[in-house]
Amino acid sequence: MDNLLWVLIFLTTFCIMEFMAWFTHKFVMHGFLWSLHKDHHYKDHNSWWERNDFFFIFYAAVSIACFVGWQYYGFWAGLPIGLGIFAYGVTYFMVHDIFIHQRFKLFRNANNWYAKGIRRAHKIHHKHLGKADGECYGMLFPPLKYFKK
């Protein structure tokens, strides 16, 4: 029973992170912390690093805090929560930074219906360069309208 609960917490955390990605993107990145996210829409630098990458650091810190809570303070759910946040972060990085934005030249030939839908949804978001009017959605499950043939 404990293993089932652990897996449920992990999967629930992973799914909640999709909501958190949408919420953070819409209300924080395109809101009061636009100054950090702006360089993701406007390439005003020649660096591999973007100010936008601070959002990854924030979620990594939350994940690490969960691991610390599990390891040192007896918060047993900290391990599946921390791993769920970490797993979502790795997935997000693979889909968003590697697959869509090609920060590393991998997955260039993926051309199935899901890959096309993810790319289409992200292009729609990036056609709006300003703080306002950019449609925001979760990374892994954008609206079904982007998955047409």
C-alpha atoms as a PDB file:
ATOM      1  CA  MET A   1       0.000   0.000   0.000  1.00  0.00           C
ATOM      2  CA  ASP A   2       2.839   2.386   0.791  1.00  0.00           C
ATOM      3  CA  ASN A   3       4.350   1.831  -2.665  1.00  0.00           C
ATOM      4  CA  LEU A   4       1.015   2.583  -4.346  1.00  0.00           C
ATOM      5  CA  LEU A   5       0.647   5.787  -2.327  1.00  0.00           C
ATOM      6  CA  TRP A   6       4.232   6.761  -3.184  1.00  0.00           C
ATOM      7  CA  VAL A   7       3.570   6.236  -6.920  1.00  0.00           C
ATOM      8  CA  LEU A   8       0.272   8.154  -6.699  1.00  0.00           C
ATOM      9  CA  ILE A   9       2.010  11.094  -5.027  1.00  0.00           C
ATOM     10  CA  PHE A  10       4.770  11.049  -7.666  1.00  0.00           C
ATOM     11  CA  LEU A  11       2.276  10.966 -10.584  1.00  0.00           C
ATOM     12  CA  THR A  12       0.013  13.585  -8.977  1.00  0.00           C
ATOM     13  CA  THR A  13       2.998  15.881  -8.440  1.00  0.00           C
ATOM     14  CA  PHE A  14       4.092  15.412 -12.051  1.00  0.00           C
ATOM     15  CA  CYS A  15       0.586  16.346 -13.269  1.00  0.00           C
ATOM     16  CA  ILE A  16       0.301  19.307 -10.885  1.00  0.00           C
ATOM     17  CA  MET A  17       3.564  20.602 -12.337  1.00  0.00           C
ATOM     18  CA  GLU A  18       1.864  20.919 -15.732  1.00  0.00           C
ATOM     19  CA  PHE A  19      -0.660  23.233 -14.067  1.00  0.00           C
ATOM     20  CA  MET A  20       2.181  25.066 -12.300  1.00  0.00           C
ATOM     21  CA  ALA A  21       3.974  25.529 -15.636  1.00  0.00           C
ATOM     22  CA  TRP A  22       0.838  27.103 -17.106  1.00  0.00           C
ATOM     23  CA  PHE A  23       0.147  29.238 -14.021  1.00  0.00           C
ATOM     24  CA  THR A  24       3.759  30.407 -13.660  1.00  0.00           C
ATOM     25  CA  HIS A  25       4.026  31.161 -17.349  1.00  0.00           C
ATOM     26  CA  LYS A  26       0.794  33.138 -17.533  1.00  0.00           C
ATOM     27  CA  PHE A  27       0.863  35.057 -14.243  1.00  0.00           C
ATOM     28  CA  VAL A  28       4.535  35.212 -13.276  1.00  0.00           C
ATOM     29  CA  MET A  29       6.627  35.018 -16.465  1.00  0.00           C
ATOM     30  CA  HIS A  30       4.206  37.146 -18.483  1.00  0.00           C
ATOM     31  CA  GLY A  31       3.390  39.100 -15.334  1.00  0.00           C
ATOM     32  CA  PHE A  32       5.569  40.608 -12.630  1.00  0.00           C
ATOM     33  CA  LEU A  33       8.742  38.701 -13.644  1.00  0.00           C
ATOM     34  CA  TRP A  34       8.542  39.523 -17.347  1.00  0.00           C
ATOM     35  CA  SER A  35      12.000  41.080 -16.956  1.00  0.00           C
ATOM     36  CA  LEU A  36      13.422  37.564 -16.486  1.00  0.00           C
ATOM     37  CA  HIS A  37      11.294  35.890 -19.170  1.00  0.00           C
ATOM     38  CA  LYS A  38      11.601  38.575 -21.847  1.00  0.00           C
ATOM     39  CA  ASP A  39      14.920  37.308 -23.214  1.00  0.00           C
ATOM     40  CA  HIS A  40      13.201  34.030 -24.045  1.00  0.00           C
ATOM     41  CA  HIS A  41      11.041  35.921 -26.562  1.00  0.00           C
ATOM     42  CA  TYR A  42      13.598  38.557 -27.611  1.00  0.00           C
ATOM     43  CA  LYS A  43      17.082  37.190 -28.220  1.00  0.00           C
ATOM     44  CA  ASP A  44      18.993  40.294 -27.109  1.00  0.00           C
ATOM     45  CA  HIS A  45      22.151  38.386 -26.161  1.00  0.00           C
ATOM     46  CA  ASN A  46      24.669  35.919 -27.586  1.00  0.00           C
ATOM     47  CA  SER A  47      24.873  33.734 -24.510  1.00  0.00           C
ATOM     48  CA  TRP A  48      23.707  30.154 -24.110  1.00  0.00           C
ATOM     49  CA  TRP A  49      22.304  31.244 -20.718  1.00  0.00           C
ATOM     50  CA  GLU A  50      19.027  33.180 -20.602  1.00  0.00           C
ATOM     51  CA  ARG A  51      17.663  35.121 -17.645  1.00  0.00           C
ATOM     52  CA  ASN A  52      14.602  32.930 -18.183  1.00  0.00           C
ATOM     53  CA  ASP A  53      16.677  29.964 -16.924  1.00  0.00           C
ATOM     54  CA  PHE A  54      16.291  31.281 -13.374  1.00  0.00           C
ATOM     55  CA  PHE A  55      12.824  29.689 -13.394  1.00  0.00           C
ATOM     56  CA  PHE A  56      14.474  26.266 -13.755  1.00  0.00           C
ATOM     57  CA  ILE A  57      16.697  27.082 -10.795  1.00  0.00           C
ATOM     58  CA  PHE A  58      13.660  28.016  -8.696  1.00  0.00           C
ATOM     59  CA  TYR A  59      11.879  24.714  -9.349  1.00  0.00           C
ATOM     60  CA  ALA A  60      15.138  22.792  -8.822  1.00  0.00           C
ATOM     61  CA  ALA A  61      15.444  24.477  -5.411  1.00  0.00           C
ATOM     62  CA  VAL A  62      11.875  23.458  -4.533  1.00  0.00           C
ATOM     63  CA  SER A  63      12.655  19.871  -5.542  1.00  0.00           C
ATOM     64  CA  ILE A  64      15.868  19.881  -3.497  1.00  0.00           C
ATOM     65  CA  ALA A  65      13.980  21.278  -0.501  1.00  0.00           C
ATOM     66  CA  CYS A  66      11.603  18.308  -0.735  1.00  0.00           C
ATOM     67  CA  PHE A  67      14.568  15.904  -0.772  1.00  0.00           C
ATOM     68  CA  VAL A  68      16.056  17.660   2.273  1.00  0.00           C
ATOM     69  CA  GLY A  69      12.713  17.425   4.061  1.00  0.00           C
ATOM     70  CA  TRP A  70      12.591  13.703   3.340  1.00  0.00           C
ATOM     71  CA  GLN A  71      16.221  12.995   4.249  1.00  0.00           C
ATOM     72  CA  TYR A  72      16.670  15.126   7.358  1.00  0.00           C
ATOM     73  CA  TYR A  73      13.235  15.978   8.728  1.00  0.00           C
ATOM     74  CA  GLY A  74      11.235  12.779   8.278  1.00  0.00           C
ATOM     75  CA  PHE A  75       8.886  14.190   5.641  1.00  0.00           C
ATOM     76  CA  TRP A  76       8.397  10.858   3.835  1.00  0.00           C
ATOM     77  CA  ALA A  77       6.315  12.399   1.008  1.00  0.00           C
ATOM     78  CA  GLY A  78       9.216  14.735   0.238  1.00  0.00           C
ATOM     79  CA  LEU A  79      10.893  12.017  -1.839  1.00  0.00           C
ATOM     80  CA  PRO A  80       8.013  11.301  -4.267  1.00  0.00           C
ATOM     81  CA  ILE A  81       7.123  15.018  -4.449  1.00  0.00           C
ATOM     82  CA  GLY A  82      10.731  16.015  -5.090  1.00  0.00           C
ATOM     83  CA  LEU A  83      11.115  13.292  -7.706  1.00  0.00           C
ATOM     84  CA  GLY A  84       7.831  14.302  -9.368  1.00  0.00           C
ATOM     85  CA  ILE A  85       9.028  17.912  -9.652  1.00  0.00           C
ATOM     86  CA  PHE A  86      12.419  16.720 -10.904  1.00  0.00           C
ATOM     87  CA  ALA A  87      10.864  14.352 -13.472  1.00  0.00           C
ATOM     88  CA  TYR A  88       8.622  17.137 -14.783  1.00  0.00           C
ATOM     89  CA  GLY A  89      11.612  19.488 -14.975  1.00  0.00           C
ATOM     90  CA  VAL A  90      13.612  16.962 -17.001  1.00  0.00           C
ATOM     91  CA  THR A  91      10.633  16.326 -19.288  1.00  0.00           C
ATOM     92  CA  TYR A  92       9.987  20.052 -19.706  1.00  0.00           C
ATOM     93  CA  PHE A  93      13.650  20.665 -20.509  1.00  0.00           C
ATOM     94  CA  MET A  94      13.661  17.856 -23.083  1.00  0.00           C
ATOM     95  CA  VAL A  95      10.457  19.044 -24.775  1.00  0.00           C
ATOM     96  CA  HIS A  96      10.832  22.825 -24.514  1.00  0.00           C
ATOM     97  CA  ASP A  97      14.534  23.597 -24.573  1.00  0.00           C
ATOM     98  CA  ILE A  98      15.883  20.664 -26.574  1.00  0.00           C
ATOM     99  CA  PHE A  99      13.017  19.610 -28.876  1.00  0.00           C
ATOM    100  CA  ILE A 100      11.273  22.933 -29.534  1.00  0.00           C
ATOM    101  CA  HIS A 101      14.020  25.559 -29.170  1.00  0.00           C
ATOM    102  CA  GLN A 102      16.917  23.288 -30.200  1.00  0.00           C
ATOM    103  CA  ARG A 103      19.304  24.568 -27.527  1.00  0.00           C
ATOM    104  CA  PHE A 104      20.988  21.216 -28.116  1.00  0.00           C
ATOM    105  CA  LYS A 105      20.693  19.679 -31.560  1.00  0.00           C
ATOM    106  CA  LEU A 106      18.648  16.585 -30.719  1.00  0.00           C
ATOM    107  CA  PHE A 107      15.224  15.270 -31.760  1.00  0.00           C
ATOM    108  CA  ARG A 108      15.261  17.295 -34.981  1.00  0.00           C
ATOM    109  CA  ASN A 109      13.478  14.655 -37.049  1.00  0.00           C
ATOM    110  CA  ALA A 110      10.547  13.934 -34.716  1.00  0.00           C
ATOM    111  CA  ASN A 111       7.509  14.477 -36.913  1.00  0.00           C
ATOM    112  CA  ASN A 112       4.579  12.565 -35.410  1.00  0.00           C
ATOM    113  CA  TRP A 113       1.199  14.137 -34.583  1.00  0.00           C
ATOM    114  CA  TYR A 114       2.201  14.952 -30.991  1.00  0.00           C
ATOM    115  CA  ALA A 115       5.502  16.570 -32.014  1.00  0.00           C
ATOM    116  CA  LYS A 116       3.752  18.675 -34.657  1.00  0.00           C
ATOM    117  CA  GLY A 117       1.053  19.754 -32.161  1.00  0.00           C
ATOM    118  CA  ILE A 118       3.605  20.796 -29.544  1.00  0.00           C
ATOM    119  CA  ARG A 119       5.596  22.782 -32.112  1.00  0.00           C
ATOM    120  CA  ARG A 120       2.452  24.437 -33.516  1.00  0.00           C
ATOM    121  CA  ALA A 121       1.220  25.502 -30.066  1.00  0.00           C
ATOM    122  CA  HIS A 122       4.600  26.934 -29.150  1.00  0.00           C
ATOM    123  CA  LYS A 123       4.888  28.878 -32.417  1.00  0.00           C
ATOM    124  CA  ILE A 124       1.513  30.482 -31.723  1.00  0.00           C
ATOM    125  CA  HIS A 125       2.751  31.540 -28.300  1.00  0.00           C
ATOM    126  CA  HIS A 126       6.010  32.981 -29.635  1.00  0.00           C
ATOM    127  CA  LYS A 127       4.387  34.965 -32.439  1.00  0.00           C
ATOM    128  CA  HIS A 128       3.349  37.414 -29.690  1.00  0.00           C
ATOM    129  CA  LEU A 129       6.623  38.999 -28.622  1.00  0.00           C
ATOM    130  CA  GLY A 130       5.326  41.200 -25.865  1.00  0.00           C
ATOM    131  CA  LYS A 131       4.291  40.657 -22.288  1.00  0.00           C
ATOM    132  CA  ALA A 132       0.588  40.667 -23.180  1.00  0.00           C
ATOM    133  CA  ASP A 133      -1.402  38.680 -25.729  1.00  0.00           C
ATOM    134  CA  GLY A 134       0.789  35.568 -25.618  1.00  0.00           C
ATOM    135  CA  GLU A 135      -1.469  32.550 -25.265  1.00  0.00           C
ATOM    136  CA  CYS A 136      -0.186  30.505 -22.333  1.00  0.00           C
ATOM    137  CA  TYR A 137      -0.656  26.780 -21.818  1.00  0.00           C
ATOM    138  CA  GLY A 138       1.070  23.830 -20.218  1.00  0.00           C
ATOM    139  CA  MET A 139       4.012  22.405 -22.125  1.00  0.00           C
ATOM    140  CA  LEU A 140       3.082  18.739 -22.344  1.00  0.00           C
ATOM    141  CA  PHE A 141      -0.647  19.056 -22.933  1.00  0.00           C
ATOM    142  CA  PRO A 142      -1.511  22.182 -24.926  1.00  0.00           C
ATOM    143  CA  PRO A 143      -5.112  22.573 -26.146  1.00  0.00           C
ATOM    144  CA  LEU A 144      -6.331  19.898 -28.566  1.00  0.00           C
ATOM    145  CA  LYS A 145      -6.880  22.476 -31.322  1.00  0.00           C
ATOM    146  CA  TYR A 146      -3.122  22.322 -32.053  1.00  0.00           C
ATOM    147  CA  PHE A 147      -3.216  18.592 -32.794  1.00  0.00           C
ATOM    148  CA  LYS A 148      -5.058  18.709 -36.115  1.00  0.00           C
ATOM    149  CA  LYS A 149      -3.834  16.868 -39.181  1.00  0.00           C
END
